[in-house]
Amino acid sequence: MIFENFTFENPSWFWLLLAIPLAIFWYWRKKGQQTATLKISSTQGFKSSTLASLRPLLFILKLLALVFLIIAMARPRTVDVTTKVKKTEGIDIIMAVDISASMLARDLQPNRLEALKEVANDFVVGRPNDRIGLVIYAGESYTKTPLTSDKSIIINAINDLKYTQNIEGGTAIGMGLATSVNKLKNSKAESKVIILLTDGENNAGFIDPTTATQLATEYDIKTYTIGVGSNGMALSPVGIKANGQFEYRNVEVKIDEDLLKTIAQSNGGKYFRATDNEKFQSIYQEIDALEKTEIEEFKFYNYGEKYRIFLLIAAGFLFLEFLLKYTLFRSFV
């Protein structure tokens, strides 16, 4: 359609439309003076002419020509916008999650592990342009999901997280970090990030956290560390009953915060402490805000000039007025 997506380059010309009412008023005041008058005693012998009553049509045609000329001067045009999005190589993220038995502690609701699943899922959904992988560890570590851009795979892997006795007990922070570095070291992404989460102290594994931290620094991998657990005591599993269920008691929460701070600060990351569900949520939101994939959007504007058609219409009205004035209405001019 001709009037679709119209814009006007010089809309200030529309102020001239205010002259239209003035022109009409002027025409009405001067109407009686535009033709010669003849005084006679009676008009009984003259027939009224319908054509004479149509003479104002000439003035209307001039007004229409003026209106379309003003529209043309305002320079109407259509705009076709083409958008092209260019993004960087994005960010590759490995989430290293502690799944030791202490992650079943109930100081977060319903427990630390389930609270993690909820906030981690939200985090993954909010990263459509990045690849994400999942490493899990307790006394040893392994890759649960390699780097992938398929978010459904990651979400399913997160939802499947659970404590299992098939993995060696303990908390091998160095192993979890080293496995994560191994998955990122060959990445071509603009930014490489590890989000390492634990609720304890390094007490297992054959790779020291300091060595793993040095590896992360060498490969330019930024590490965010999260200590999970309330301050003080927490209802935590301390053993397994005969029926296979965990026995819970209040135990002191011990997190090696100095170690986690050192890991984060060594390669430009940041340390967080999640003492409750709300804090846990805000931590992932902050990391999400800190690590953004840069996206450039280019817009190309294709303008279609439409003033010519309005000029032609204005010229058409003027030509019609000229034609009628010197043909049909010639006797009345």
C-alpha atoms as a PDB file:
ATOM      1  CA  MET A   1       0.000   0.000   0.000  1.00  0.00           C
ATOM      2  CA  ILE A   2       1.213   3.491  -0.828  1.00  0.00           C
ATOM      3  CA  PHE A   3       0.458   4.949   2.631  1.00  0.00           C
ATOM      4  CA  GLU A   4       2.002   2.101   4.621  1.00  0.00           C
ATOM      5  CA  ASN A   5       4.973   2.965   6.878  1.00  0.00           C
ATOM      6  CA  PHE A   6       4.849   6.632   5.905  1.00  0.00           C
ATOM      7  CA  THR A   7       7.224   9.157   7.443  1.00  0.00           C
ATOM      8  CA  PHE A   8       7.770  12.830   6.655  1.00  0.00           C
ATOM      9  CA  GLU A   9      11.264  14.274   6.350  1.00  0.00           C
ATOM     10  CA  ASN A  10      10.096  17.917   6.692  1.00  0.00           C
ATOM     11  CA  PRO A  11       6.863  17.847   8.733  1.00  0.00           C
ATOM     12  CA  SER A  12       7.182  21.575   9.574  1.00  0.00           C
ATOM     13  CA  TRP A  13       5.635  22.331   6.165  1.00  0.00           C
ATOM     14  CA  PHE A  14       2.285  21.175   7.567  1.00  0.00           C
ATOM     15  CA  TRP A  15       2.054  24.492   9.423  1.00  0.00           C
ATOM     16  CA  LEU A  16       1.061  25.986   6.072  1.00  0.00           C
ATOM     17  CA  LEU A  17      -2.205  24.043   6.271  1.00  0.00           C
ATOM     18  CA  LEU A  18      -3.319  26.686   8.760  1.00  0.00           C
ATOM     19  CA  ALA A  19      -3.635  29.004   5.757  1.00  0.00           C
ATOM     20  CA  ILE A  20      -6.490  26.919   4.333  1.00  0.00           C
ATOM     21  CA  PRO A  21      -9.187  28.229   6.747  1.00  0.00           C
ATOM     22  CA  LEU A  22      -7.905  31.785   6.152  1.00  0.00           C
ATOM     23  CA  ALA A  23      -8.179  31.310   2.386  1.00  0.00           C
ATOM     24  CA  ILE A  24     -11.745  30.030   2.753  1.00  0.00           C
ATOM     25  CA  PHE A  25     -12.654  33.032   4.920  1.00  0.00           C
ATOM     26  CA  TRP A  26     -11.042  35.400   2.412  1.00  0.00           C
ATOM     27  CA  TYR A  27     -12.940  33.795  -0.477  1.00  0.00           C
ATOM     28  CA  TRP A  28     -16.239  34.074   1.350  1.00  0.00           C
ATOM     29  CA  ARG A  29     -15.643  37.809   2.115  1.00  0.00           C
ATOM     30  CA  LYS A  30     -14.577  38.627  -1.441  1.00  0.00           C
ATOM     31  CA  LYS A  31     -17.089  36.404  -3.182  1.00  0.00           C
ATOM     32  CA  GLY A  32     -19.381  39.279  -4.154  1.00  0.00           C
ATOM     33  CA  GLN A  33     -16.539  41.366  -5.555  1.00  0.00           C
ATOM     34  CA  GLN A  34     -15.118  38.771  -7.928  1.00  0.00           C
ATOM     35  CA  THR A  35     -17.613  39.461 -10.760  1.00  0.00           C
ATOM     36  CA  ALA A  36     -18.952  42.613 -12.305  1.00  0.00           C
ATOM     37  CA  THR A  37     -22.436  43.720 -11.211  1.00  0.00           C
ATOM     38  CA  LEU A  38     -25.242  45.226 -13.239  1.00  0.00           C
ATOM     39  CA  LYS A  39     -28.218  46.942 -11.656  1.00  0.00           C
ATOM     40  CA  ILE A  40     -31.542  46.404 -13.407  1.00  0.00           C
ATOM     41  CA  SER A  41     -35.112  46.919 -12.322  1.00  0.00           C
ATOM     42  CA  SER A  42     -36.162  43.282 -12.695  1.00  0.00           C
ATOM     43  CA  THR A  43     -34.568  39.845 -13.333  1.00  0.00           C
ATOM     44  CA  GLN A  44     -37.837  38.276 -14.407  1.00  0.00           C
ATOM     45  CA  GLY A  45     -36.635  37.826 -17.959  1.00  0.00           C
ATOM     46  CA  PHE A  46     -33.449  35.972 -16.924  1.00  0.00           C
ATOM     47  CA  LYS A  47     -33.186  32.250 -16.224  1.00  0.00           C
ATOM     48  CA  SER A  48     -31.005  31.089 -13.305  1.00  0.00           C
ATOM     49  CA  SER A  49     -27.917  29.163 -14.358  1.00  0.00           C
ATOM     50  CA  THR A  50     -26.913  25.949 -12.540  1.00  0.00           C
ATOM     51  CA  LEU A  51     -23.420  26.336 -13.977  1.00  0.00           C
ATOM     52  CA  ALA A  52     -22.950  29.663 -12.226  1.00  0.00           C
ATOM     53  CA  SER A  53     -23.648  28.034  -8.852  1.00  0.00           C
ATOM     54  CA  LEU A  54     -20.806  25.581  -9.494  1.00  0.00           C
ATOM     55  CA  ARG A  55     -18.238  28.338  -9.940  1.00  0.00           C
ATOM     56  CA  PRO A  56     -16.800  27.840  -6.368  1.00  0.00           C
ATOM     57  CA  LEU A  57     -15.511  24.510  -7.696  1.00  0.00           C
ATOM     58  CA  LEU A  58     -12.572  26.415  -9.189  1.00  0.00           C
ATOM     59  CA  PHE A  59     -11.583  27.706  -5.758  1.00  0.00           C
ATOM     60  CA  ILE A  60     -11.936  24.208  -4.250  1.00  0.00           C
ATOM     61  CA  LEU A  61      -9.618  22.796  -6.905  1.00  0.00           C
ATOM     62  CA  LYS A  62      -7.020  25.449  -6.039  1.00  0.00           C
ATOM     63  CA  LEU A  63      -7.270  24.593  -2.360  1.00  0.00           C
ATOM     64  CA  LEU A  64      -6.843  20.876  -3.070  1.00  0.00           C
ATOM     65  CA  ALA A  65      -3.801  21.637  -5.203  1.00  0.00           C
ATOM     66  CA  LEU A  66      -2.343  23.678  -2.331  1.00  0.00           C
ATOM     67  CA  VAL A  67      -2.960  20.857   0.188  1.00  0.00           C
ATOM     68  CA  PHE A  68      -1.217  18.250  -1.962  1.00  0.00           C
ATOM     69  CA  LEU A  69       1.632  20.657  -2.713  1.00  0.00           C
ATOM     70  CA  ILE A  70       2.191  21.155   1.043  1.00  0.00           C
ATOM     71  CA  ILE A  71       2.176  17.370   1.555  1.00  0.00           C
ATOM     72  CA  ALA A  72       4.768  17.026  -1.207  1.00  0.00           C
ATOM     73  CA  MET A  73       6.944  19.701   0.402  1.00  0.00           C
ATOM     74  CA  ALA A  74       6.798  17.748   3.688  1.00  0.00           C
ATOM     75  CA  ARG A  75       8.576  15.000   1.726  1.00  0.00           C
ATOM     76  CA  PRO A  76       6.620  11.841   2.444  1.00  0.00           C
ATOM     77  CA  ARG A  77       8.468   8.577   2.123  1.00  0.00           C
ATOM     78  CA  THR A  78       8.200   4.939   3.106  1.00  0.00           C
ATOM     79  CA  VAL A  79      10.844   3.289   5.254  1.00  0.00           C
ATOM     80  CA  ASP A  80      11.913  -0.319   4.879  1.00  0.00           C
ATOM     81  CA  VAL A  81      14.135  -1.382   7.798  1.00  0.00           C
ATOM     82  CA  THR A  82      16.405  -4.412   7.471  1.00  0.00           C
ATOM     83  CA  THR A  83      18.073  -5.634  10.656  1.00  0.00           C
ATOM     84  CA  LYS A  84      21.269  -7.673  10.753  1.00  0.00           C
ATOM     85  CA  VAL A  85      22.556  -9.025  14.046  1.00  0.00           C
ATOM     86  CA  LYS A  86      26.232  -9.695  14.564  1.00  0.00           C
ATOM     87  CA  LYS A  87      27.381 -11.340  17.773  1.00  0.00           C
ATOM     88  CA  THR A  88      30.777 -12.255  19.103  1.00  0.00           C
ATOM     89  CA  GLU A  89      31.899 -15.830  19.624  1.00  0.00           C
ATOM     90  CA  GLY A  90      29.944 -15.649  22.875  1.00  0.00           C
ATOM     91  CA  ILE A  91      30.830 -17.025  26.274  1.00  0.00           C
ATOM     92  CA  ASP A  92      31.602 -20.626  27.166  1.00  0.00           C
ATOM     93  CA  ILE A  93      30.557 -21.461  30.712  1.00  0.00           C
ATOM     94  CA  ILE A  94      31.239 -24.538  32.809  1.00  0.00           C
ATOM     95  CA  MET A  95      29.193 -24.989  35.972  1.00  0.00           C
ATOM     96  CA  ALA A  96      31.152 -27.116  38.460  1.00  0.00           C
ATOM     97  CA  VAL A  97      28.749 -28.434  41.095  1.00  0.00           C
ATOM     98  CA  ASP A  98      29.553 -30.145  44.391  1.00  0.00           C
ATOM     99  CA  ILE A  99      27.185 -33.118  44.815  1.00  0.00           C
ATOM    100  CA  SER A 100      28.614 -34.488  48.059  1.00  0.00           C
ATOM    101  CA  ALA A 101      26.203 -35.660  50.767  1.00  0.00           C
ATOM    102  CA  SER A 102      26.441 -32.303  52.583  1.00  0.00           C
ATOM    103  CA  MET A 103      24.588 -30.691  49.642  1.00  0.00           C
ATOM    104  CA  LEU A 104      21.464 -32.352  51.079  1.00  0.00           C
ATOM    105  CA  ALA A 105      21.636 -30.055  54.138  1.00  0.00           C
ATOM    106  CA  ARG A 106      18.331 -28.297  54.794  1.00  0.00           C
ATOM    107  CA  ASP A 107      19.474 -24.775  55.626  1.00  0.00           C
ATOM    108  CA  LEU A 108      18.267 -23.874  52.122  1.00  0.00           C
ATOM    109  CA  GLN A 109      14.801 -24.998  51.075  1.00  0.00           C
ATOM    110  CA  PRO A 110      14.106 -27.830  50.509  1.00  0.00           C
ATOM    111  CA  ASN A 111      17.864 -28.504  50.537  1.00  0.00           C
ATOM    112  CA  ARG A 112      21.021 -27.028  49.031  1.00  0.00           C
ATOM    113  CA  LEU A 113      21.026 -29.229  45.937  1.00  0.00           C
ATOM    114  CA  GLU A 114      17.374 -28.602  45.036  1.00  0.00           C
ATOM    115  CA  ALA A 115      17.808 -24.865  45.586  1.00  0.00           C
ATOM    116  CA  LEU A 116      20.760 -24.984  43.187  1.00  0.00           C
ATOM    117  CA  LYS A 117      18.701 -26.704  40.505  1.00  0.00           C
ATOM    118  CA  GLU A 118      16.085 -23.956  40.520  1.00  0.00           C
ATOM    119  CA  VAL A 119      18.469 -21.022  40.193  1.00  0.00           C
ATOM    120  CA  ALA A 120      20.780 -22.832  37.764  1.00  0.00           C
ATOM    121  CA  ASN A 121      17.869 -23.564  35.429  1.00  0.00           C
ATOM    122  CA  ASP A 122      16.882 -19.891  35.402  1.00  0.00           C
ATOM    123  CA  PHE A 123      20.493 -18.975  34.683  1.00  0.00           C
ATOM    124  CA  VAL A 124      20.730 -21.354  31.722  1.00  0.00           C
ATOM    125  CA  VAL A 125      17.454 -20.147  30.192  1.00  0.00           C
ATOM    126  CA  GLY A 126      18.748 -16.576  30.352  1.00  0.00           C
ATOM    127  CA  ARG A 127      21.898 -17.413  28.320  1.00  0.00           C
ATOM    128  CA  PRO A 128      20.526 -18.185  24.813  1.00  0.00           C
ATOM    129  CA  ASN A 129      23.717 -17.095  23.016  1.00  0.00           C
ATOM    130  CA  ASP A 130      26.255 -19.044  25.081  1.00  0.00           C
ATOM    131  CA  ARG A 131      27.488 -22.614  25.345  1.00  0.00           C
ATOM    132  CA  ILE A 132      27.204 -24.186  28.782  1.00  0.00           C
ATOM    133  CA  GLY A 133      28.622 -27.411  30.210  1.00  0.00           C
ATOM    134  CA  LEU A 134      28.239 -29.214  33.544  1.00  0.00           C
ATOM    135  CA  VAL A 135      30.948 -30.792  35.729  1.00  0.00           C
ATOM    136  CA  ILE A 136      30.058 -32.557  38.963  1.00  0.00           C
ATOM    137  CA  TYR A 137      32.355 -33.553  41.778  1.00  0.00           C
ATOM    138  CA  ALA A 138      32.529 -34.941  45.303  1.00  0.00           C
ATOM    139  CA  GLY A 139      35.625 -36.980  46.182  1.00  0.00           C
ATOM    140  CA  GLU A 140      36.354 -37.161  42.446  1.00  0.00           C
ATOM    141  CA  SER A 141      35.039 -35.307  39.418  1.00  0.00           C
ATOM    142  CA  TYR A 142      33.744 -35.966  35.932  1.00  0.00           C
ATOM    143  CA  THR A 143      31.969 -34.196  33.082  1.00  0.00           C
ATOM    144  CA  LYS A 144      28.238 -34.720  33.135  1.00  0.00           C
ATOM    145  CA  THR A 145      27.546 -32.595  30.042  1.00  0.00           C
ATOM    146  CA  PRO A 146      30.141 -31.126  27.648  1.00  0.00           C
ATOM    147  CA  LEU A 147      29.804 -27.598  26.305  1.00  0.00           C
ATOM    148  CA  THR A 148      26.628 -27.276  24.256  1.00  0.00           C
ATOM    149  CA  SER A 149      24.304 -24.573  22.981  1.00  0.00           C
ATOM    150  CA  ASP A 150      21.315 -26.917  23.387  1.00  0.00           C
ATOM    151  CA  LYS A 151      19.775 -25.567  26.579  1.00  0.00           C
ATOM    152  CA  SER A 152      17.348 -28.462  26.942  1.00  0.00           C
ATOM    153  CA  ILE A 153      20.286 -30.861  27.371  1.00  0.00           C
ATOM    154  CA  ILE A 154      21.788 -28.718  30.132  1.00  0.00           C
ATOM    155  CA  ILE A 155      18.457 -28.232  31.896  1.00  0.00           C
ATOM    156  CA  ASN A 156      17.785 -31.981  31.850  1.00  0.00           C
ATOM    157  CA  ALA A 157      21.283 -32.622  33.221  1.00  0.00           C
ATOM    158  CA  ILE A 158      20.742 -30.100  36.032  1.00  0.00           C
ATOM    159  CA  ASN A 159      17.373 -31.592  36.927  1.00  0.00           C
ATOM    160  CA  ASP A 160      19.024 -35.020  37.053  1.00  0.00           C
ATOM    161  CA  LEU A 161      21.588 -33.932  39.694  1.00  0.00           C
ATOM    162  CA  LYS A 162      21.432 -36.015  42.867  1.00  0.00           C
ATOM    163  CA  TYR A 163      23.635 -37.431  45.545  1.00  0.00           C
ATOM    164  CA  THR A 164      24.936 -40.881  44.718  1.00  0.00           C
ATOM    165  CA  GLN A 165      27.145 -43.319  46.553  1.00  0.00           C
ATOM    166  CA  ASN A 166      28.615 -44.358  43.191  1.00  0.00           C
ATOM    167  CA  ILE A 167      30.959 -41.380  43.357  1.00  0.00           C
ATOM    168  CA  GLU A 168      33.690 -41.287  45.988  1.00  0.00           C
ATOM    169  CA  GLY A 169      32.844 -39.288  49.111  1.00  0.00           C
ATOM    170  CA  GLY A 170      34.516 -36.034  50.121  1.00  0.00           C
ATOM    171  CA  THR A 171      34.948 -32.641  48.490  1.00  0.00           C
ATOM    172  CA  ALA A 172      37.636 -32.442  45.807  1.00  0.00           C
ATOM    173  CA  ILE A 173      37.532 -28.744  44.891  1.00  0.00           C
ATOM    174  CA  GLY A 174      40.840 -28.978  43.030  1.00  0.00           C
ATOM    175  CA  MET A 175      39.563 -31.887  40.941  1.00  0.00           C
ATOM    176  CA  GLY A 176      36.313 -30.109  40.084  1.00  0.00           C
ATOM    177  CA  LEU A 177      38.176 -26.989  39.021  1.00  0.00           C
ATOM    178  CA  ALA A 178      40.799 -28.898  37.026  1.00  0.00           C
ATOM    179  CA  THR A 179      38.160 -30.893  35.124  1.00  0.00           C
ATOM    180  CA  SER A 180      36.356 -27.646  34.276  1.00  0.00           C
ATOM    181  CA  VAL A 181      39.597 -26.061  33.018  1.00  0.00           C
ATOM    182  CA  ASN A 182      40.220 -29.107  30.843  1.00  0.00           C
ATOM    183  CA  LYS A 183      36.844 -28.603  29.140  1.00  0.00           C
ATOM    184  CA  LEU A 184      37.499 -24.921  28.449  1.00  0.00           C
ATOM    185  CA  LYS A 185      41.198 -24.767  27.599  1.00  0.00           C
ATOM    186  CA  ASN A 186      40.684 -25.327  23.849  1.00  0.00           C
ATOM    187  CA  SER A 187      37.612 -23.064  23.588  1.00  0.00           C
ATOM    188  CA  LYS A 188      37.682 -20.329  20.924  1.00  0.00           C
ATOM    189  CA  ALA A 189      35.082 -18.225  22.748  1.00  0.00           C
ATOM    190  CA  GLU A 190      35.687 -14.549  23.504  1.00  0.00           C
ATOM    191  CA  SER A 191      35.271 -15.294  27.212  1.00  0.00           C
ATOM    192  CA  LYS A 192      35.664 -18.507  29.225  1.00  0.00           C
ATOM    193  CA  VAL A 193      34.011 -18.786  32.628  1.00  0.00           C
ATOM    194  CA  ILE A 194      33.791 -21.354  35.415  1.00  0.00           C
ATOM    195  CA  ILE A 195      31.116 -21.123  38.102  1.00  0.00           C
ATOM    196  CA  LEU A 196      32.404 -23.372  40.898  1.00  0.00           C
ATOM    197  CA  LEU A 197      30.020 -24.195  43.726  1.00  0.00           C
ATOM    198  CA  THR A 198      30.778 -25.996  46.972  1.00  0.00           C
ATOM    199  CA  ASP A 199      29.524 -26.182  50.541  1.00  0.00           C
ATOM    200  CA  GLY A 200      32.650 -27.518  52.195  1.00  0.00           C
ATOM    201  CA  GLU A 201      36.412 -27.688  52.343  1.00  0.00           C
ATOM    202  CA  ASN A 202      38.886 -29.353  50.007  1.00  0.00           C
ATOM    203  CA  ASN A 203      39.535 -32.769  51.597  1.00  0.00           C
ATOM    204  CA  ALA A 204      39.827 -35.198  48.679  1.00  0.00           C
ATOM    205  CA  GLY A 205      41.291 -35.618  45.210  1.00  0.00           C
ATOM    206  CA  PHE A 206      44.848 -35.734  43.911  1.00  0.00           C
ATOM    207  CA  ILE A 207      44.922 -32.253  42.331  1.00  0.00           C
ATOM    208  CA  ASP A 208      45.590 -29.361  44.663  1.00  0.00           C
ATOM    209  CA  PRO A 209      43.225 -26.343  44.266  1.00  0.00           C
ATOM    210  CA  THR A 210      46.250 -24.049  43.900  1.00  0.00           C
ATOM    211  CA  THR A 211      47.490 -26.057  40.912  1.00  0.00           C
ATOM    212  CA  ALA A 212      44.028 -26.022  39.337  1.00  0.00           C
ATOM    213  CA  THR A 213      43.817 -22.254  39.900  1.00  0.00           C
ATOM    214  CA  GLN A 214      47.142 -21.747  38.139  1.00  0.00           C
ATOM    215  CA  LEU A 215      45.853 -23.749  35.182  1.00  0.00           C
ATOM    216  CA  ALA A 216      42.723 -21.560  34.990  1.00  0.00           C
ATOM    217  CA  THR A 217      44.888 -18.439  35.013  1.00  0.00           C
ATOM    218  CA  GLU A 218      47.204 -19.849  32.334  1.00  0.00           C
ATOM    219  CA  TYR A 219      44.265 -20.461  29.987  1.00  0.00           C
ATOM    220  CA  ASP A 220      42.677 -17.086  30.792  1.00  0.00           C
ATOM    221  CA  ILE A 221      39.614 -18.644  32.399  1.00  0.00           C
ATOM    222  CA  LYS A 222      37.670 -16.501  34.834  1.00  0.00           C
ATOM    223  CA  THR A 223      36.306 -18.336  37.887  1.00  0.00           C
ATOM    224  CA  TYR A 224      33.343 -17.339  40.017  1.00  0.00           C
ATOM    225  CA  THR A 225      33.149 -19.289  43.277  1.00  0.00           C
ATOM    226  CA  ILE A 226      30.047 -19.783  45.409  1.00  0.00           C
ATOM    227  CA  GLY A 227      30.048 -21.036  48.990  1.00  0.00           C
ATOM    228  CA  VAL A 228      26.677 -22.580  49.838  1.00  0.00           C
ATOM    229  CA  GLY A 229      25.453 -22.770  53.403  1.00  0.00           C
ATOM    230  CA  SER A 230      24.081 -20.672  56.248  1.00  0.00           C
ATOM    231  CA  ASN A 231      26.254 -19.211  58.993  1.00  0.00           C
ATOM    232  CA  GLY A 232      26.432 -21.355  62.110  1.00  0.00           C
ATOM    233  CA  MET A 233      24.636 -24.705  62.304  1.00  0.00           C
ATOM    234  CA  ALA A 234      22.694 -26.554  59.633  1.00  0.00           C
ATOM    235  CA  LEU A 235      20.551 -29.689  59.617  1.00  0.00           C
ATOM    236  CA  SER A 236      22.815 -32.019  57.633  1.00  0.00           C
ATOM    237  CA  PRO A 237      23.074 -35.747  56.835  1.00  0.00           C
ATOM    238  CA  VAL A 238      25.505 -37.495  59.167  1.00  0.00           C
ATOM    239  CA  GLY A 239      24.834 -41.131  58.325  1.00  0.00           C
ATOM    240  CA  ILE A 240      22.524 -43.653  56.702  1.00  0.00           C
ATOM    241  CA  LYS A 241      19.915 -45.577  58.693  1.00  0.00           C
ATOM    242  CA  ALA A 242      19.183 -49.261  58.288  1.00  0.00           C
ATOM    243  CA  ASN A 243      16.236 -48.438  56.033  1.00  0.00           C
ATOM    244  CA  GLY A 244      18.560 -46.563  53.655  1.00  0.00           C
ATOM    245  CA  GLN A 245      17.392 -43.078  54.623  1.00  0.00           C
ATOM    246  CA  PHE A 246      19.733 -40.323  55.790  1.00  0.00           C
ATOM    247  CA  GLU A 247      20.019 -39.475  59.454  1.00  0.00           C
ATOM    248  CA  TYR A 248      20.084 -35.707  60.007  1.00  0.00           C
ATOM    249  CA  ARG A 249      21.654 -33.684  62.821  1.00  0.00           C
ATOM    250  CA  ASN A 250      22.640 -30.064  63.339  1.00  0.00           C
ATOM    251  CA  VAL A 251      26.297 -29.690  62.436  1.00  0.00           C
ATOM    252  CA  GLU A 252      28.557 -26.681  62.023  1.00  0.00           C
ATOM    253  CA  VAL A 253      28.768 -25.258  58.515  1.00  0.00           C
ATOM    254  CA  LYS A 254      32.404 -25.242  57.394  1.00  0.00           C
ATOM    255  CA  ILE A 255      33.310 -23.539  54.118  1.00  0.00           C
ATOM    256  CA  ASP A 256      36.883 -22.695  53.174  1.00  0.00           C
ATOM    257  CA  GLU A 257      36.079 -19.131  52.176  1.00  0.00           C
ATOM    258  CA  ASP A 258      39.735 -18.105  52.036  1.00  0.00           C
ATOM    259  CA  LEU A 259      40.393 -20.764  49.420  1.00  0.00           C
ATOM    260  CA  LEU A 260      37.337 -19.812  47.353  1.00  0.00           C
ATOM    261  CA  LYS A 261      38.290 -16.132  47.469  1.00  0.00           C
ATOM    262  CA  THR A 262      41.825 -16.956  46.354  1.00  0.00           C
ATOM    263  CA  ILE A 263      40.578 -19.040  43.414  1.00  0.00           C
ATOM    264  CA  ALA A 264      38.226 -16.264  42.254  1.00  0.00           C
ATOM    265  CA  GLN A 265      40.627 -13.360  42.716  1.00  0.00           C
ATOM    266  CA  SER A 266      43.488 -15.135  40.937  1.00  0.00           C
ATOM    267  CA  ASN A 267      41.818 -14.851  37.531  1.00  0.00           C
ATOM    268  CA  GLY A 268      39.421 -11.907  37.662  1.00  0.00           C
ATOM    269  CA  GLY A 269      36.440 -13.670  39.182  1.00  0.00           C
ATOM    270  CA  LYS A 270      34.462 -13.028  42.325  1.00  0.00           C
ATOM    271  CA  TYR A 271      33.509 -14.961  45.448  1.00  0.00           C
ATOM    272  CA  PHE A 272      29.895 -15.195  46.686  1.00  0.00           C
ATOM    273  CA  ARG A 273      28.264 -16.697  49.768  1.00  0.00           C
ATOM    274  CA  ALA A 274      24.757 -18.142  49.439  1.00  0.00           C
ATOM    275  CA  THR A 275      23.247 -18.319  52.914  1.00  0.00           C
ATOM    276  CA  ASP A 276      19.606 -18.681  51.805  1.00  0.00           C
ATOM    277  CA  ASN A 277      17.473 -19.215  48.702  1.00  0.00           C
ATOM    278  CA  GLU A 278      17.039 -15.501  47.964  1.00  0.00           C
ATOM    279  CA  LYS A 279      20.777 -14.856  48.188  1.00  0.00           C
ATOM    280  CA  PHE A 280      21.419 -17.853  45.964  1.00  0.00           C
ATOM    281  CA  GLN A 281      19.094 -16.427  43.329  1.00  0.00           C
ATOM    282  CA  SER A 282      20.681 -12.977  43.461  1.00  0.00           C
ATOM    283  CA  ILE A 283      24.183 -14.441  43.059  1.00  0.00           C
ATOM    284  CA  TYR A 284      23.340 -16.099  39.766  1.00  0.00           C
ATOM    285  CA  GLN A 285      21.588 -12.922  38.619  1.00  0.00           C
ATOM    286  CA  GLU A 286      24.723 -10.914  39.400  1.00  0.00           C
ATOM    287  CA  ILE A 287      26.958 -13.339  37.507  1.00  0.00           C
ATOM    288  CA  ASP A 288      24.505 -13.205  34.615  1.00  0.00           C
ATOM    289  CA  ALA A 289      24.796  -9.410  34.577  1.00  0.00           C
ATOM    290  CA  LEU A 290      28.615  -9.498  34.801  1.00  0.00           C
ATOM    291  CA  GLU A 291      29.052 -11.927  31.917  1.00  0.00           C
ATOM    292  CA  LYS A 292      27.173 -10.749  28.858  1.00  0.00           C
ATOM    293  CA  THR A 293      27.697 -11.754  25.235  1.00  0.00           C
ATOM    294  CA  GLU A 294      28.182  -8.623  23.119  1.00  0.00           C
ATOM    295  CA  ILE A 295      25.638  -8.370  20.331  1.00  0.00           C
ATOM    296  CA  GLU A 296      25.798  -5.706  17.616  1.00  0.00           C
ATOM    297  CA  GLU A 297      22.648  -4.840  15.723  1.00  0.00           C
ATOM    298  CA  PHE A 298      22.937  -3.154  12.332  1.00  0.00           C
ATOM    299  CA  LYS A 299      19.881  -1.509  10.821  1.00  0.00           C
ATOM    300  CA  PHE A 300      19.700  -0.655   7.132  1.00  0.00           C
ATOM    301  CA  TYR A 301      17.106   1.917   6.066  1.00  0.00           C
ATOM    302  CA  ASN A 302      15.738   1.900   2.527  1.00  0.00           C
ATOM    303  CA  TYR A 303      13.707   5.040   1.817  1.00  0.00           C
ATOM    304  CA  GLY A 304      11.106   5.201  -0.931  1.00  0.00           C
ATOM    305  CA  GLU A 305      10.409   8.835  -1.861  1.00  0.00           C
ATOM    306  CA  LYS A 306       6.659   9.451  -2.381  1.00  0.00           C
ATOM    307  CA  TYR A 307       6.503  13.238  -2.844  1.00  0.00           C
ATOM    308  CA  ARG A 308       6.315  12.953  -6.631  1.00  0.00           C
ATOM    309  CA  ILE A 309       2.833  11.440  -6.624  1.00  0.00           C
ATOM    310  CA  PHE A 310       1.535  14.313  -4.479  1.00  0.00           C
ATOM    311  CA  LEU A 311       3.127  16.851  -6.834  1.00  0.00           C
ATOM    312  CA  LEU A 312       1.406  15.148  -9.772  1.00  0.00           C
ATOM    313  CA  ILE A 313      -1.947  15.223  -7.977  1.00  0.00           C
ATOM    314  CA  ALA A 314      -1.478  18.932  -7.156  1.00  0.00           C
ATOM    315  CA  ALA A 315      -0.566  19.629 -10.791  1.00  0.00           C
ATOM    316  CA  GLY A 316      -3.617  17.657 -11.893  1.00  0.00           C
ATOM    317  CA  PHE A 317      -5.950  19.800  -9.785  1.00  0.00           C
ATOM    318  CA  LEU A 318      -4.348  22.999 -11.120  1.00  0.00           C
ATOM    319  CA  PHE A 319      -4.655  21.791 -14.711  1.00  0.00           C
ATOM    320  CA  LEU A 320      -8.296  20.861 -14.165  1.00  0.00           C
ATOM    321  CA  GLU A 321      -8.974  24.284 -12.626  1.00  0.00           C
ATOM    322  CA  PHE A 322      -7.264  25.997 -15.603  1.00  0.00           C
ATOM    323  CA  LEU A 323      -9.199  23.855 -18.091  1.00  0.00           C
ATOM    324  CA  LEU A 324     -12.593  24.539 -16.492  1.00  0.00           C
ATOM    325  CA  LYS A 325     -11.841  28.244 -16.029  1.00  0.00           C
ATOM    326  CA  TYR A 326     -11.174  28.826 -19.738  1.00  0.00           C
ATOM    327  CA  THR A 327     -13.770  26.430 -21.152  1.00  0.00           C
ATOM    328  CA  LEU A 328     -16.871  25.569 -19.147  1.00  0.00           C
ATOM    329  CA  PHE A 329     -16.766  28.584 -16.802  1.00  0.00           C
ATOM    330  CA  ARG A 330     -15.319  31.036 -19.306  1.00  0.00           C
ATOM    331  CA  SER A 331     -18.485  33.116 -19.454  1.00  0.00           C
ATOM    332  CA  PHE A 332     -18.392  33.612 -15.687  1.00  0.00           C
ATOM    333  CA  VAL A 333     -14.740  34.556 -15.252  1.00  0.00           C
END
